[in-house]
Structure formats: structure tokens, C-alpha cells
Amino acid sequence: MNITIKINSTSGNHILNAVLYDNKSANAFASLLKNDGITVKLSEYGGFEKVGALSQNLPRTDSQIETNSGDIMLYNGRQITIFYEPNRWSYSRLGKILGKSKDELKTILGNGDVEATFSLAE
């Protein structure tokens, strides 16, 4: 399943394309997007990701993972994360941003907090 992510950051407004994985965490996330999508405030964390709280807990499919730039993960069932640098921790895989290098993604996500609107692709 494909989604779009509209990012409003210090570097401007951007639209990213991503694919969701086929697991119960990603399927529950897709269900949240069915009407008008959702908007999440993402904050900088650790110099490798942007993270923000969802409105509800989602089912977890956690495993020890080494993330890469563009990975979209669920942390602790309620935090959505977008990675621009690698990290290793226990996450549930949600999806992957397509067609953006690590440097492009770092620029798009900018400095500080960003607003991300996730929606199903048309």
C-alpha cells in the first residue's frame, strides 16, 4: 500500500512517497489514514530521527532492527519515527520512503520540529 507524507519543515514544504509493509502494525496505521489522513508533530531525537505521538496505540510487531535512512517505524506502539540516519533498537516496521537519499531526507526534514501529514496515496 502506498502513502504520501507532506512535510512542513524549516527547508519548506515537501511531498514524499512511501510504501507500507504488510504486517499488523502497518495495516493498523493504514486504517488510521483511511478518512483524511493524520497530521503528527515530529521532533528531533538523537540526531538520527524525527519522532511524534500518534493519537492511539497500534499493535506492535517489534523486533531488534537496524534502521536506515527513509525507514518509517513504530516505537512503543504509539510513536511514529522517520529515520534519516541508522539506529539499532526494537521497532515495528511500518514502511519506507521511496526515492530519497540520506542527504536529501536530512535536508527535507530540516532542523527542529516538523509537521508531517500522512495519507493514503490516490
Protein backbone atom coordinates (compact mmCIF):
# COMPACT_ATOMS: atom_id res chain seq x y z
CA MET A 1 0.00 0.00 0.00
CA ASN A 2 1.36 3.43 -0.91
CA ILE A 3 1.11 6.58 1.17
CA THR A 4 2.15 10.21 0.81
CA ILE A 5 3.77 12.27 3.52
CA LYS A 6 3.54 16.05 3.36
CA ILE A 7 6.38 17.60 5.35
CA ASN A 8 6.38 21.20 6.54
CA SER A 9 9.87 21.96 7.87
CA THR A 10 12.47 24.71 8.04
CA SER A 11 13.50 23.75 4.50
CA GLY A 12 9.98 24.29 3.10
CA ASN A 13 7.07 22.10 2.08
CA HIS A 14 7.77 18.68 0.59
CA ILE A 15 5.80 15.64 -0.54
CA LEU A 16 7.32 12.20 -0.01
CA ASN A 17 6.11 8.88 -1.37
CA ALA A 18 6.34 5.75 0.75
CA VAL A 19 5.23 2.15 0.74
CA LEU A 20 3.74 0.43 3.79
CA TYR A 21 4.78 -3.09 4.75
CA ASP A 22 2.28 -5.92 5.10
CA ASN A 23 2.11 -6.55 8.85
CA LYS A 24 -0.45 -5.88 11.57
CA SER A 25 1.28 -2.67 12.72
CA ALA A 26 1.37 -1.19 9.21
CA ASN A 27 -2.19 -2.34 8.47
CA ALA A 28 -3.45 -0.63 11.65
CA PHE A 29 -1.54 2.52 10.66
CA ALA A 30 -3.18 2.41 7.21
CA SER A 31 -6.60 2.21 8.91
CA LEU A 32 -5.83 5.50 10.70
CA LEU A 33 -5.25 7.12 7.31
CA LYS A 34 -8.47 5.97 5.63
CA ASN A 35 -10.51 9.15 6.06
CA ASP A 36 -8.47 12.32 5.73
CA GLY A 37 -5.09 11.07 6.90
CA ILE A 38 -3.39 12.25 10.08
CA THR A 39 -1.04 15.07 10.98
CA VAL A 40 1.72 14.48 13.52
CA LYS A 41 4.22 16.91 15.03
CA LEU A 42 7.62 15.23 14.75
CA SER A 43 10.50 16.33 16.97
CA GLU A 44 14.21 15.78 16.57
CA TYR A 45 15.58 12.89 18.58
CA GLY A 46 19.16 11.70 18.92
CA GLY A 47 20.45 13.20 15.69
CA PHE A 48 19.10 10.29 13.63
CA GLU A 49 15.28 10.52 13.56
CA LYS A 50 12.15 12.61 13.85
CA VAL A 51 9.55 11.16 16.25
CA GLY A 52 5.98 12.04 17.23
CA ALA A 53 3.00 10.63 19.10
CA LEU A 54 0.04 9.04 17.35
CA SER A 55 -3.49 9.53 18.66
CA GLN A 56 -3.75 5.88 19.74
CA ASN A 57 -1.69 2.77 20.33
CA LEU A 58 -1.19 0.42 17.41
CA PRO A 59 -0.46 -3.32 17.51
CA ARG A 60 3.25 -3.99 17.90
CA THR A 61 5.36 -6.34 15.79
CA ASP A 62 8.62 -5.36 17.46
CA SER A 63 11.95 -6.88 16.59
CA GLN A 64 15.56 -5.81 17.01
CA ILE A 65 16.20 -3.80 13.83
CA GLU A 66 18.98 -1.74 12.32
CA THR A 67 17.21 1.18 10.66
CA ASN A 68 18.28 3.02 7.52
CA SER A 69 17.51 6.41 6.08
CA GLY A 70 13.88 6.57 4.98
CA ASP A 71 12.59 3.88 7.33
CA ILE A 72 9.24 4.60 8.98
CA MET A 73 8.93 2.74 12.28
CA LEU A 74 6.57 2.41 15.23
CA TYR A 75 8.18 2.71 18.65
CA ASN A 76 6.43 1.51 21.82
CA GLY A 77 3.14 1.17 19.95
CA ARG A 78 2.37 4.89 19.80
CA GLN A 79 5.39 6.81 18.47
CA ILE A 80 5.94 7.12 14.73
CA THR A 81 9.50 7.72 13.60
CA ILE A 82 11.15 8.72 10.34
CA PHE A 83 14.84 7.90 10.20
CA TYR A 84 17.46 9.84 8.29
CA GLU A 85 20.46 8.08 9.91
CA PRO A 86 20.88 4.47 11.07
CA ASN A 87 19.97 3.25 14.54
CA ARG A 88 19.56 -0.13 16.18
CA TRP A 89 16.67 -0.79 18.55
CA SER A 90 13.40 -2.69 18.89
CA TYR A 91 10.79 -1.28 16.49
CA SER A 92 7.78 -2.34 14.47
CA ARG A 93 8.30 -1.79 10.73
CA LEU A 94 5.68 0.44 9.13
CA GLY A 95 7.12 1.47 5.79
CA LYS A 96 9.85 3.01 3.68
CA ILE A 97 10.19 6.40 1.97
CA LEU A 98 10.97 5.94 -1.71
CA GLY A 99 13.45 7.73 -3.96
CA LYS A 100 15.25 9.99 -1.45
CA SER A 101 18.89 9.76 -0.46
CA LYS A 102 20.03 10.19 3.13
CA ASP A 103 21.26 13.72 2.37
CA GLU A 104 18.02 14.68 0.62
CA LEU A 105 15.97 13.36 3.53
CA LYS A 106 18.09 15.23 6.10
CA THR A 107 17.53 18.46 4.13
CA ILE A 108 13.79 17.85 3.75
CA LEU A 109 13.32 17.13 7.47
CA GLY A 110 15.27 20.27 8.30
CA ASN A 111 16.18 21.45 11.78
CA GLY A 112 13.88 21.23 14.78
CA ASP A 113 10.25 20.16 14.77
CA VAL A 114 8.34 19.35 11.58
CA GLU A 115 4.70 18.78 10.76
CA ALA A 116 4.03 15.57 8.83
CA THR A 117 0.68 14.71 7.24
CA PHE A 118 0.38 11.04 6.35
CA SER A 119 -2.33 9.99 3.89
CA LEU A 120 -3.16 7.10 1.58
CA ALA A 121 -1.87 7.66 -1.96
CA GLU A 122 -4.55 8.16 -4.59
